């Protein structure tokens, strides 16, 4: 299933900023700062008889498709698909958020800066971006559209847990998404823990 949403920067009063596809024309009007997001949901089995295993996976062309060892994205994607298959039910939400939301071209520029010695967060910030531009509003809306109110979330990222909880979806369990590191991804994983707050049991 495919989904599309339009989102404004988080309101100061904490209110909802989500818009559905019917708002596309207004969202894309000149001067409007709403951002368009898209996602695909892969659904397996009966996801309503018990809280299903859910993975929110951000697009990573370099890792998911080309097998880059700079990150753990492909390993996590393969792990998620395998675990959902073994469980017999679950949802993988594949969100178009390349480079933690900065886009493919900027991500490749960030790779160049990493080759010069910066870590993934420093590189994003050097280019004028935040460390992480994702807010996970669309995945939450996708899960609600699928009729889910409780999930087992496969993630190391506490921001994903917080985003779902704030959207009214109870995370009954956070299932670790830890994979075997490569030498090329060691620094990246350490940065995710130290600067982005990701949770790892053995780091």
N, C-alpha and C. Protein backbone atom coordinates (compact mmCIF):
# COMPACT_ATOMS: atom_id res chain seq x y z
N UNK A 1 0.83 -1.19 0.00
CA UNK A 1 0.00 0.00 0.00
C UNK A 1 0.87 1.24 0.00
N UNK A 2 0.48 2.26 -0.74
CA UNK A 2 1.22 3.51 -0.77
C UNK A 2 0.49 4.60 -0.03
N UNK A 3 1.24 5.48 0.59
CA UNK A 3 0.67 6.57 1.37
C UNK A 3 1.41 7.86 1.06
N UNK A 4 0.70 8.97 1.18
CA UNK A 4 1.29 10.28 0.95
C UNK A 4 0.75 11.24 2.00
N UNK A 5 1.60 12.11 2.50
CA UNK A 5 1.16 13.11 3.48
C UNK A 5 1.92 14.39 3.30
N UNK A 6 1.38 15.46 3.85
CA UNK A 6 2.05 16.76 3.82
C UNK A 6 2.12 17.27 5.25
N UNK A 7 3.29 17.75 5.63
CA UNK A 7 3.51 18.13 7.01
C UNK A 7 4.22 19.47 7.09
N UNK A 8 3.80 20.27 8.06
CA UNK A 8 4.46 21.54 8.33
C UNK A 8 5.43 21.33 9.47
N UNK A 9 6.34 22.29 9.71
CA UNK A 9 7.18 22.20 10.90
C UNK A 9 6.33 22.07 12.15
N UNK A 10 6.81 21.37 13.14
CA UNK A 10 6.06 21.10 14.35
C UNK A 10 5.53 22.40 14.96
N UNK A 11 4.21 22.53 15.18
CA UNK A 11 3.67 23.76 15.75
C UNK A 11 4.21 24.02 17.15
N UNK A 12 4.33 25.28 17.49
CA UNK A 12 4.86 25.64 18.81
C UNK A 12 3.97 25.16 19.92
N UNK A 13 2.65 25.06 19.65
CA UNK A 13 1.72 24.65 20.70
C UNK A 13 1.57 23.14 20.80
N UNK A 14 2.33 22.42 19.96
CA UNK A 14 2.31 20.97 20.03
C UNK A 14 1.16 20.34 19.27
N UNK A 15 0.37 21.12 18.54
CA UNK A 15 -0.77 20.60 17.81
C UNK A 15 -0.33 19.81 16.60
N UNK A 16 -1.29 19.13 16.00
CA UNK A 16 -0.99 18.29 14.84
C UNK A 16 -0.75 19.14 13.61
N UNK A 17 0.23 18.71 12.81
CA UNK A 17 0.54 19.42 11.59
C UNK A 17 0.23 18.59 10.35
N UNK A 18 -0.38 17.42 10.53
CA UNK A 18 -0.56 16.50 9.43
C UNK A 18 -1.65 16.96 8.48
N UNK A 19 -1.46 16.62 7.22
CA UNK A 19 -2.46 16.85 6.19
C UNK A 19 -2.55 15.58 5.36
N UNK A 20 -3.74 15.27 4.85
CA UNK A 20 -3.85 14.10 4.01
C UNK A 20 -3.67 14.48 2.55
N UNK A 21 -3.77 13.46 1.68
CA UNK A 21 -3.51 13.69 0.27
C UNK A 21 -4.43 14.72 -0.35
N UNK A 22 -5.62 14.95 0.20
CA UNK A 22 -6.55 15.91 -0.36
C UNK A 22 -6.02 17.33 -0.27
N UNK A 23 -5.01 17.55 0.55
CA UNK A 23 -4.46 18.89 0.73
C UNK A 23 -3.27 19.16 -0.18
N UNK A 24 -3.07 18.32 -1.18
CA UNK A 24 -1.85 18.40 -1.97
C UNK A 24 -1.69 19.75 -2.64
N UNK A 25 -2.73 20.28 -3.27
CA UNK A 25 -2.59 21.53 -3.99
C UNK A 25 -2.18 22.67 -3.06
N UNK A 26 -2.84 22.75 -1.90
CA UNK A 26 -2.50 23.81 -0.96
C UNK A 26 -1.11 23.61 -0.40
N UNK A 27 -0.76 22.35 -0.17
CA UNK A 27 0.54 22.06 0.43
C UNK A 27 1.68 22.44 -0.50
N UNK A 28 1.45 22.36 -1.81
CA UNK A 28 2.52 22.62 -2.74
C UNK A 28 2.45 24.03 -3.32
N UNK A 29 1.55 24.88 -2.79
CA UNK A 29 1.44 26.25 -3.28
C UNK A 29 2.71 27.02 -2.99
N UNK A 30 3.07 27.98 -3.86
CA UNK A 30 4.29 28.78 -3.63
C UNK A 30 4.27 29.45 -2.26
N UNK A 31 5.39 29.40 -1.59
CA UNK A 31 5.50 30.03 -0.28
C UNK A 31 5.04 29.15 0.87
N UNK A 32 4.46 27.99 0.54
CA UNK A 32 4.03 27.09 1.60
C UNK A 32 5.19 26.20 1.99
N UNK A 33 5.48 26.11 3.29
CA UNK A 33 6.65 25.36 3.73
C UNK A 33 6.33 23.93 4.13
N UNK A 34 5.15 23.46 3.76
CA UNK A 34 4.84 22.07 4.07
C UNK A 34 5.73 21.16 3.24
N UNK A 35 6.13 20.05 3.82
CA UNK A 35 6.95 19.11 3.09
C UNK A 35 6.12 17.88 2.73
N UNK A 36 6.37 17.34 1.56
CA UNK A 36 5.67 16.16 1.09
C UNK A 36 6.44 14.93 1.51
N UNK A 37 5.73 13.94 2.02
CA UNK A 37 6.35 12.68 2.39
C UNK A 37 5.56 11.54 1.77
N UNK A 38 6.27 10.47 1.43
CA UNK A 38 5.64 9.29 0.87
C UNK A 38 6.17 8.06 1.60
N UNK A 39 5.35 7.03 1.62
CA UNK A 39 5.77 5.78 2.26
C UNK A 39 5.01 4.62 1.64
N UNK A 40 5.61 3.46 1.73
CA UNK A 40 4.98 2.21 1.31
C UNK A 40 4.89 1.30 2.52
N UNK A 41 3.75 0.66 2.70
CA UNK A 41 3.59 -0.28 3.81
C UNK A 41 3.48 -1.70 3.25
N UNK A 42 4.38 -2.56 3.68
CA UNK A 42 4.31 -3.98 3.35
C UNK A 42 3.67 -4.69 4.53
N UNK A 43 2.55 -5.35 4.29
CA UNK A 43 1.77 -5.95 5.36
C UNK A 43 1.71 -7.46 5.16
N UNK A 44 2.01 -8.18 6.23
CA UNK A 44 1.97 -9.64 6.18
C UNK A 44 1.04 -10.18 7.25
N UNK A 45 0.13 -11.06 6.88
CA UNK A 45 -0.66 -11.81 7.84
C UNK A 45 -1.69 -11.00 8.60
N UNK A 46 -2.14 -11.58 9.70
CA UNK A 46 -3.15 -10.97 10.56
C UNK A 46 -2.46 -10.01 11.53
N UNK A 47 -2.63 -8.72 11.30
CA UNK A 47 -1.93 -7.72 12.14
C UNK A 47 -2.83 -7.15 13.23
N UNK A 48 -4.05 -7.73 13.40
CA UNK A 48 -4.99 -7.17 14.36
C UNK A 48 -5.29 -8.06 15.56
N UNK A 49 -4.95 -9.34 15.49
CA UNK A 49 -5.26 -10.23 16.60
C UNK A 49 -4.33 -10.02 17.79
N UNK A 50 -3.16 -9.46 17.54
CA UNK A 50 -2.18 -9.15 18.59
C UNK A 50 -1.32 -8.01 18.08
N UNK A 51 -0.68 -7.24 18.98
CA UNK A 51 0.20 -6.16 18.51
C UNK A 51 1.27 -6.71 17.57
N UNK A 52 1.31 -6.27 16.32
CA UNK A 52 2.25 -6.84 15.35
C UNK A 52 3.64 -6.24 15.47
N UNK A 53 4.61 -6.97 14.93
CA UNK A 53 5.96 -6.44 14.80
C UNK A 53 5.96 -5.41 13.67
N UNK A 54 6.48 -4.23 13.97
CA UNK A 54 6.49 -3.12 13.00
C UNK A 54 7.89 -2.56 12.88
N UNK A 55 8.31 -2.36 11.65
CA UNK A 55 9.57 -1.68 11.38
C UNK A 55 9.29 -0.43 10.55
N UNK A 56 9.73 0.73 11.04
CA UNK A 56 9.71 1.98 10.27
C UNK A 56 11.10 2.15 9.71
N UNK A 57 11.23 2.01 8.40
CA UNK A 57 12.56 2.02 7.77
C UNK A 57 12.67 3.20 6.82
N UNK A 58 13.67 4.03 7.03
CA UNK A 58 13.90 5.18 6.16
C UNK A 58 14.72 4.76 4.94
N UNK A 59 14.27 5.20 3.80
CA UNK A 59 14.94 4.88 2.53
C UNK A 59 16.44 5.16 2.61
N UNK A 60 17.23 4.21 2.11
CA UNK A 60 18.69 4.38 2.04
C UNK A 60 19.15 3.73 0.74
N UNK A 61 19.19 4.49 -0.33
CA UNK A 61 19.58 3.95 -1.63
C UNK A 61 20.98 3.33 -1.56
N UNK A 62 21.90 4.04 -0.92
CA UNK A 62 23.29 3.57 -0.90
C UNK A 62 23.43 2.27 -0.13
N UNK A 63 22.66 2.12 0.94
CA UNK A 63 22.75 0.90 1.73
C UNK A 63 21.79 -0.18 1.26
N UNK A 64 20.50 0.15 1.17
CA UNK A 64 19.48 -0.84 0.84
C UNK A 64 19.70 -1.44 -0.55
N UNK A 65 20.09 -0.61 -1.52
CA UNK A 65 20.20 -1.06 -2.91
C UNK A 65 21.64 -1.42 -3.28
N UNK A 66 22.58 -0.51 -2.95
CA UNK A 66 23.96 -0.68 -3.41
C UNK A 66 24.86 -1.37 -2.39
N UNK A 67 24.33 -1.65 -1.19
CA UNK A 67 25.09 -2.42 -0.22
C UNK A 67 26.23 -1.69 0.45
N UNK A 68 26.13 -0.37 0.57
CA UNK A 68 27.17 0.39 1.25
C UNK A 68 27.37 -0.12 2.67
N UNK A 69 28.63 -0.20 3.09
CA UNK A 69 28.94 -0.63 4.44
C UNK A 69 29.13 0.54 5.40
N UNK A 70 28.88 1.77 4.92
CA UNK A 70 29.01 2.94 5.81
C UNK A 70 27.94 2.92 6.90
N UNK A 71 26.82 2.26 6.64
CA UNK A 71 25.69 2.28 7.58
C UNK A 71 25.19 0.86 7.80
N UNK A 72 24.20 0.72 8.67
CA UNK A 72 23.62 -0.59 8.96
C UNK A 72 22.23 -0.74 8.35
N UNK A 73 21.89 0.12 7.40
CA UNK A 73 20.51 0.18 6.89
C UNK A 73 20.08 -1.11 6.21
N UNK A 74 20.90 -1.62 5.29
CA UNK A 74 20.51 -2.83 4.59
C UNK A 74 20.40 -4.02 5.54
N UNK A 75 21.33 -4.10 6.48
CA UNK A 75 21.26 -5.19 7.46
C UNK A 75 19.98 -5.11 8.28
N UNK A 76 19.60 -3.89 8.67
CA UNK A 76 18.38 -3.73 9.46
C UNK A 76 17.14 -4.06 8.62
N UNK A 77 17.15 -3.66 7.35
CA UNK A 77 16.02 -3.96 6.48
C UNK A 77 15.86 -5.46 6.31
N UNK A 78 16.96 -6.14 6.05
CA UNK A 78 16.89 -7.59 5.87
C UNK A 78 16.48 -8.28 7.18
N UNK A 79 16.97 -7.79 8.30
CA UNK A 79 16.58 -8.34 9.60
C UNK A 79 15.09 -8.18 9.82
N UNK A 80 14.57 -6.99 9.52
CA UNK A 80 13.15 -6.72 9.74
C UNK A 80 12.27 -7.63 8.90
N UNK A 81 12.61 -7.77 7.62
CA UNK A 81 11.82 -8.63 6.74
C UNK A 81 11.86 -10.08 7.22
N UNK A 82 13.03 -10.52 7.66
CA UNK A 82 13.17 -11.90 8.15
C UNK A 82 12.36 -12.11 9.42
N UNK A 83 12.44 -11.16 10.35
CA UNK A 83 11.73 -11.32 11.63
C UNK A 83 10.22 -11.26 11.42
N UNK A 84 9.75 -10.39 10.53
CA UNK A 84 8.32 -10.32 10.25
C UNK A 84 7.84 -11.62 9.61
N UNK A 85 8.65 -12.16 8.69
CA UNK A 85 8.29 -13.43 8.05
C UNK A 85 8.24 -14.56 9.07
N UNK A 86 9.20 -14.59 9.98
CA UNK A 86 9.23 -15.63 11.00
C UNK A 86 8.03 -15.51 11.94
N UNK A 87 7.61 -14.28 12.22
CA UNK A 87 6.47 -14.07 13.10
C UNK A 87 5.15 -14.42 12.41
N UNK A 88 5.15 -14.39 11.08
CA UNK A 88 3.94 -14.70 10.34
C UNK A 88 3.00 -13.52 10.17
N UNK A 89 3.36 -12.39 10.75
CA UNK A 89 2.53 -11.18 10.64
C UNK A 89 3.38 -9.97 11.02
N UNK A 90 3.07 -8.86 10.40
CA UNK A 90 3.80 -7.63 10.73
C UNK A 90 3.70 -6.61 9.62
N UNK A 91 4.32 -5.46 9.87
CA UNK A 91 4.26 -4.35 8.92
C UNK A 91 5.65 -3.74 8.79
N UNK A 92 6.07 -3.51 7.55
CA UNK A 92 7.26 -2.72 7.30
C UNK A 92 6.82 -1.45 6.59
N UNK A 93 7.04 -0.31 7.23
CA UNK A 93 6.74 0.98 6.63
C UNK A 93 8.04 1.53 6.07
N UNK A 94 8.12 1.61 4.73
CA UNK A 94 9.32 2.10 4.06
C UNK A 94 9.08 3.55 3.68
N UNK A 95 9.75 4.43 4.42
CA UNK A 95 9.50 5.87 4.28
C UNK A 95 10.59 6.52 3.43
N UNK A 96 10.18 7.38 2.52
CA UNK A 96 11.11 8.07 1.62
C UNK A 96 11.79 9.23 2.35
N UNK A 97 12.78 8.89 3.17
CA UNK A 97 13.48 9.89 3.99
C UNK A 97 14.98 9.65 3.88
N UNK A 98 15.49 9.72 2.67
CA UNK A 98 16.92 9.47 2.42
C UNK A 98 17.80 10.39 3.26
N UNK A 99 18.84 9.81 3.85
CA UNK A 99 19.80 10.61 4.60
C UNK A 99 19.21 11.29 5.83
N UNK A 100 18.34 10.57 6.54
CA UNK A 100 17.63 11.14 7.71
C UNK A 100 16.89 12.42 7.32
N UNK A 101 16.36 12.41 6.10
CA UNK A 101 15.47 13.49 5.67
C UNK A 101 16.11 14.59 4.87
N UNK A 102 17.43 14.51 4.56
CA UNK A 102 18.07 15.61 3.84
C UNK A 102 18.07 15.39 2.32
N UNK A 103 17.75 14.18 1.88
CA UNK A 103 17.71 13.89 0.45
C UNK A 103 19.00 13.27 -0.06
N UNK A 104 18.90 12.64 -1.22
CA UNK A 104 20.02 11.85 -1.74
C UNK A 104 21.24 12.70 -2.10
N UNK A 105 21.04 13.81 -2.81
CA UNK A 105 22.19 14.60 -3.24
C UNK A 105 22.95 15.19 -2.05
N UNK A 106 22.20 15.69 -1.07
CA UNK A 106 22.85 16.23 0.13
C UNK A 106 23.55 15.12 0.90
N UNK A 107 22.96 13.95 0.91
CA UNK A 107 23.58 12.82 1.60
C UNK A 107 24.92 12.47 0.96
N UNK A 108 24.97 12.50 -0.38
CA UNK A 108 26.24 12.20 -1.05
C UNK A 108 27.28 13.28 -0.77
N UNK A 109 26.83 14.53 -0.64
CA UNK A 109 27.76 15.59 -0.23
C UNK A 109 28.27 15.32 1.19
N UNK A 110 27.37 14.86 2.05
CA UNK A 110 27.77 14.54 3.42
C UNK A 110 28.79 13.40 3.43
N UNK A 111 28.63 12.45 2.52
CA UNK A 111 29.61 11.36 2.42
C UNK A 111 31.00 11.93 2.11
N UNK A 112 31.05 12.92 1.22
CA UNK A 112 32.34 13.54 0.90
C UNK A 112 32.97 14.17 2.12
N UNK A 113 32.17 14.81 2.95
CA UNK A 113 32.68 15.42 4.18
C UNK A 113 33.12 14.35 5.17
N UNK A 114 32.41 13.23 5.19
CA UNK A 114 32.83 12.14 6.07
C UNK A 114 34.18 11.58 5.63
N UNK A 115 34.42 11.57 4.33
CA UNK A 115 35.72 11.11 3.83
C UNK A 115 36.85 12.03 4.28
N UNK A 116 36.48 13.28 4.63
CA UNK A 116 37.48 14.25 5.11
C UNK A 116 37.64 14.21 6.62
N UNK A 117 36.86 13.33 7.29
CA UNK A 117 37.05 13.15 8.73
C UNK A 117 35.87 13.49 9.61
N UNK A 118 34.81 14.10 9.05
CA UNK A 118 33.64 14.43 9.86
C UNK A 118 32.79 13.18 10.08
N UNK A 119 32.06 13.14 11.19
CA UNK A 119 31.12 12.04 11.38
C UNK A 119 29.79 12.41 10.71
N UNK A 120 28.84 11.50 10.75
CA UNK A 120 27.59 11.70 10.01
C UNK A 120 26.79 12.91 10.50
N UNK A 121 26.83 13.18 11.80
CA UNK A 121 26.12 14.35 12.33
C UNK A 121 26.85 15.63 11.96
N UNK A 122 28.16 15.66 12.15
CA UNK A 122 28.95 16.84 11.80
C UNK A 122 28.80 17.19 10.33
N UNK A 123 28.77 16.17 9.47
CA UNK A 123 28.65 16.40 8.03
C UNK A 123 27.31 17.05 7.70
N UNK A 124 26.22 16.53 8.28
CA UNK A 124 24.90 17.13 8.04
C UNK A 124 24.88 18.59 8.49
N UNK A 125 25.42 18.83 9.67
CA UNK A 125 25.40 20.19 10.21
C UNK A 125 26.29 21.13 9.41
N UNK A 126 27.39 20.62 8.88
CA UNK A 126 28.28 21.43 8.05
C UNK A 126 27.56 21.90 6.79
N UNK A 127 26.63 21.10 6.31
CA UNK A 127 25.85 21.44 5.13
C UNK A 127 24.64 22.30 5.45
N UNK A 128 24.45 22.62 6.73
CA UNK A 128 23.34 23.48 7.13
C UNK A 128 22.08 22.75 7.54
N UNK A 129 22.18 21.43 7.72
CA UNK A 129 21.03 20.64 8.11
C UNK A 129 21.08 20.30 9.61
N UNK A 130 19.95 19.86 10.13
CA UNK A 130 19.92 19.30 11.47
C UNK A 130 20.53 17.89 11.42
N UNK A 131 20.85 17.37 12.58
CA UNK A 131 21.38 16.01 12.63
C UNK A 131 20.38 15.02 12.08
N UNK A 132 19.09 15.26 12.33
CA UNK A 132 18.03 14.36 11.88
C UNK A 132 16.79 15.18 11.60
N UNK A 133 16.33 15.18 10.36
CA UNK A 133 15.15 15.96 9.97
C UNK A 133 13.85 15.16 10.06
N UNK A 134 13.92 13.90 10.40
CA UNK A 134 12.72 13.08 10.42
C UNK A 134 11.89 13.35 11.68
N UNK A 135 10.57 13.29 11.51
CA UNK A 135 9.67 13.45 12.64
C UNK A 135 8.71 12.27 12.79
N UNK A 136 8.68 11.39 11.78
CA UNK A 136 7.92 10.14 11.82
C UNK A 136 6.41 10.35 11.96
N UNK A 137 5.91 11.47 11.46
CA UNK A 137 4.47 11.71 11.49
C UNK A 137 3.73 10.81 10.50
N UNK A 138 4.26 10.72 9.28
CA UNK A 138 3.59 9.90 8.28
C UNK A 138 3.53 8.43 8.67
N UNK A 139 4.62 7.81 9.14
CA UNK A 139 4.50 6.41 9.56
C UNK A 139 3.43 6.20 10.63
N UNK A 140 3.31 7.12 11.55
CA UNK A 140 2.27 7.00 12.57
C UNK A 140 0.88 7.03 11.94
N UNK A 141 0.69 7.93 10.97
CA UNK A 141 -0.61 8.00 10.30
C UNK A 141 -0.86 6.74 9.47
N UNK A 142 0.19 6.19 8.87
CA UNK A 142 0.05 4.95 8.11
C UNK A 142 -0.44 3.82 9.02
N UNK A 143 0.18 3.70 10.18
CA UNK A 143 -0.21 2.63 11.11
C UNK A 143 -1.64 2.81 11.58
N UNK A 144 -2.04 4.04 11.82
CA UNK A 144 -3.42 4.29 12.22
C UNK A 144 -4.39 3.97 11.08
N UNK A 145 -3.98 4.28 9.84
CA UNK A 145 -4.83 3.96 8.68
C UNK A 145 -5.00 2.46 8.53
N UNK A 146 -4.01 1.70 9.00
CA UNK A 146 -4.10 0.24 8.97
C UNK A 146 -4.87 -0.31 10.15
N UNK A 147 -5.39 0.57 11.00
CA UNK A 147 -6.19 0.15 12.14
C UNK A 147 -5.40 -0.31 13.34
N UNK A 148 -4.14 0.09 13.42
CA UNK A 148 -3.28 -0.34 14.53
C UNK A 148 -3.24 0.70 15.63
N UNK A 149 -3.38 0.25 16.86
CA UNK A 149 -3.27 1.12 18.02
C UNK A 149 -2.22 0.65 19.00
N UNK A 150 -1.74 -0.59 18.81
CA UNK A 150 -0.66 -1.14 19.63
C UNK A 150 0.30 -1.91 18.72
N UNK A 151 1.61 -1.71 18.94
CA UNK A 151 2.60 -2.37 18.09
C UNK A 151 3.80 -2.80 18.91
N UNK A 152 4.54 -3.73 18.35
CA UNK A 152 5.88 -4.07 18.83
C UNK A 152 6.83 -3.44 17.83
N UNK A 153 7.60 -2.45 18.26
CA UNK A 153 8.39 -1.65 17.33
C UNK A 153 9.82 -2.16 17.26
N UNK A 154 10.25 -2.54 16.06
CA UNK A 154 11.61 -3.00 15.83
C UNK A 154 12.48 -1.79 15.54
N UNK A 155 13.22 -1.32 16.53
CA UNK A 155 13.99 -0.08 16.38
C UNK A 155 14.96 0.09 17.53
N UNK A 156 16.06 0.80 17.23
CA UNK A 156 16.99 1.25 18.28
C UNK A 156 16.79 2.73 18.59
N UNK A 157 15.86 3.36 17.91
CA UNK A 157 15.72 4.82 17.97
C UNK A 157 14.56 5.21 18.89
N UNK A 158 14.85 5.78 20.05
CA UNK A 158 13.77 6.17 20.97
C UNK A 158 12.87 7.27 20.41
N UNK A 159 13.35 8.03 19.41
CA UNK A 159 12.50 9.06 18.81
C UNK A 159 11.33 8.43 18.06
N UNK A 160 11.53 7.26 17.49
CA UNK A 160 10.43 6.58 16.82
C UNK A 160 9.38 6.14 17.84
N UNK A 161 9.83 5.63 18.97
CA UNK A 161 8.90 5.25 20.03
C UNK A 161 8.09 6.46 20.47
N UNK A 162 8.77 7.56 20.73
CA UNK A 162 8.11 8.78 21.19
C UNK A 162 7.12 9.30 20.16
N UNK A 163 7.48 9.23 18.88
CA UNK A 163 6.60 9.74 17.82
C UNK A 163 5.31 8.92 17.75
N UNK A 164 5.43 7.61 17.85
CA UNK A 164 4.23 6.78 17.80
C UNK A 164 3.37 6.99 19.03
N UNK A 165 4.01 7.04 20.18
CA UNK A 165 3.25 7.24 21.42
C UNK A 165 2.50 8.58 21.41
N UNK A 166 3.17 9.62 20.92
CA UNK A 166 2.52 10.94 20.89
C UNK A 166 1.37 10.99 19.88
N UNK A 167 1.41 10.07 18.90
CA UNK A 167 0.34 10.00 17.90
C UNK A 167 -0.79 9.08 18.35
N UNK A 168 -0.67 8.51 19.53
CA UNK A 168 -1.74 7.68 20.07
C UNK A 168 -1.58 6.20 19.79
N UNK A 169 -0.39 5.78 19.36
CA UNK A 169 -0.12 4.36 19.12
C UNK A 169 0.77 3.85 20.25
N UNK A 170 0.30 2.87 20.98
CA UNK A 170 1.06 2.35 22.12
C UNK A 170 2.12 1.37 21.65
N UNK A 171 3.36 1.63 22.04
CA UNK A 171 4.45 0.71 21.76
C UNK A 171 4.56 -0.24 22.95
N UNK A 172 4.02 -1.44 22.80
CA UNK A 172 3.99 -2.38 23.92
C UNK A 172 5.36 -3.01 24.15
N UNK A 173 6.21 -2.97 23.11
CA UNK A 173 7.57 -3.51 23.24
C UNK A 173 8.45 -2.86 22.20
N UNK A 174 9.66 -2.45 22.62
CA UNK A 174 10.67 -2.03 21.66
C UNK A 174 11.61 -3.20 21.43
N UNK A 175 11.60 -3.71 20.23
CA UNK A 175 12.43 -4.86 19.89
C UNK A 175 13.74 -4.34 19.29
N UNK A 176 14.89 -4.67 19.87
CA UNK A 176 16.16 -4.17 19.34
C UNK A 176 16.39 -4.56 17.88
N UNK A 177 16.98 -3.64 17.12
CA UNK A 177 17.32 -3.89 15.72
C UNK A 177 18.83 -3.81 15.56
N UNK A 178 19.53 -4.58 16.37
CA UNK A 178 20.99 -4.53 16.38
C UNK A 178 21.56 -5.58 15.42
N UNK A 179 22.52 -5.14 14.63
CA UNK A 179 23.14 -6.02 13.64
C UNK A 179 24.65 -6.05 13.89
N UNK A 180 25.29 -7.03 13.26
CA UNK A 180 26.74 -7.16 13.41
C UNK A 180 27.43 -6.01 12.67
N UNK A 181 28.26 -5.22 13.36
CA UNK A 181 28.89 -4.08 12.69
C UNK A 181 30.03 -4.51 11.77
N UNK A 182 30.25 -3.71 10.74
CA UNK A 182 31.42 -3.85 9.89
C UNK A 182 32.46 -2.83 10.35
N UNK A 183 33.70 -3.05 9.97
CA UNK A 183 34.74 -2.07 10.30
C UNK A 183 34.38 -0.70 9.73
N UNK A 184 33.76 -0.70 8.54
CA UNK A 184 33.43 0.57 7.89
C UNK A 184 32.27 1.30 8.56
N UNK A 185 31.45 0.57 9.32
CA UNK A 185 30.28 1.19 9.95
C UNK A 185 30.47 1.45 11.44
N UNK A 186 31.60 1.07 11.99
CA UNK A 186 31.83 1.18 13.43
C UNK A 186 31.67 2.62 13.93
N UNK A 187 32.28 3.57 13.23
CA UNK A 187 32.19 4.96 13.67
C UNK A 187 30.76 5.48 13.54
N UNK A 188 30.10 5.10 12.47
CA UNK A 188 28.71 5.51 12.24
C UNK A 188 27.81 5.05 13.39
N UNK A 189 27.97 3.80 13.79
CA UNK A 189 27.13 3.26 14.86
C UNK A 189 27.44 3.94 16.19
N UNK A 190 28.71 4.23 16.44
CA UNK A 190 29.07 4.94 17.67
C UNK A 190 28.46 6.34 17.68
N UNK A 191 28.43 7.00 16.52
CA UNK A 191 27.83 8.33 16.43
C UNK A 191 26.33 8.26 16.67
N UNK A 192 25.68 7.23 16.15
CA UNK A 192 24.24 7.08 16.38
C UNK A 192 23.95 6.95 17.87
N UNK A 193 24.81 6.25 18.57
CA UNK A 193 24.60 6.08 20.01
C UNK A 193 24.91 7.37 20.77
N UNK A 194 26.07 7.96 20.48
CA UNK A 194 26.55 9.08 21.28
C UNK A 194 25.86 10.40 20.96
N UNK A 195 25.49 10.61 19.69
CA UNK A 195 24.94 11.92 19.30
C UNK A 195 23.46 11.89 18.93
N UNK A 196 22.96 10.72 18.57
CA UNK A 196 21.55 10.62 18.18
C UNK A 196 20.73 9.84 19.19
N UNK A 197 21.36 9.33 20.22
CA UNK A 197 20.62 8.69 21.31
C UNK A 197 20.10 7.30 21.02
N UNK A 198 20.62 6.64 19.98
CA UNK A 198 20.15 5.29 19.67
C UNK A 198 20.61 4.32 20.75
N UNK A 199 19.82 3.29 20.96
CA UNK A 199 20.04 2.36 22.06
C UNK A 199 20.70 1.09 21.54
N UNK A 200 21.84 0.75 22.12
CA UNK A 200 22.55 -0.48 21.78
C UNK A 200 22.92 -1.19 23.07
N UNK A 201 22.78 -2.51 23.06
CA UNK A 201 23.06 -3.26 24.28
C UNK A 201 24.53 -3.54 24.47
N UNK A 202 25.30 -3.58 23.37
CA UNK A 202 26.69 -4.01 23.47
C UNK A 202 27.69 -2.95 23.02
N UNK A 203 27.33 -1.67 23.08
CA UNK A 203 28.25 -0.64 22.64
C UNK A 203 28.50 0.33 23.80
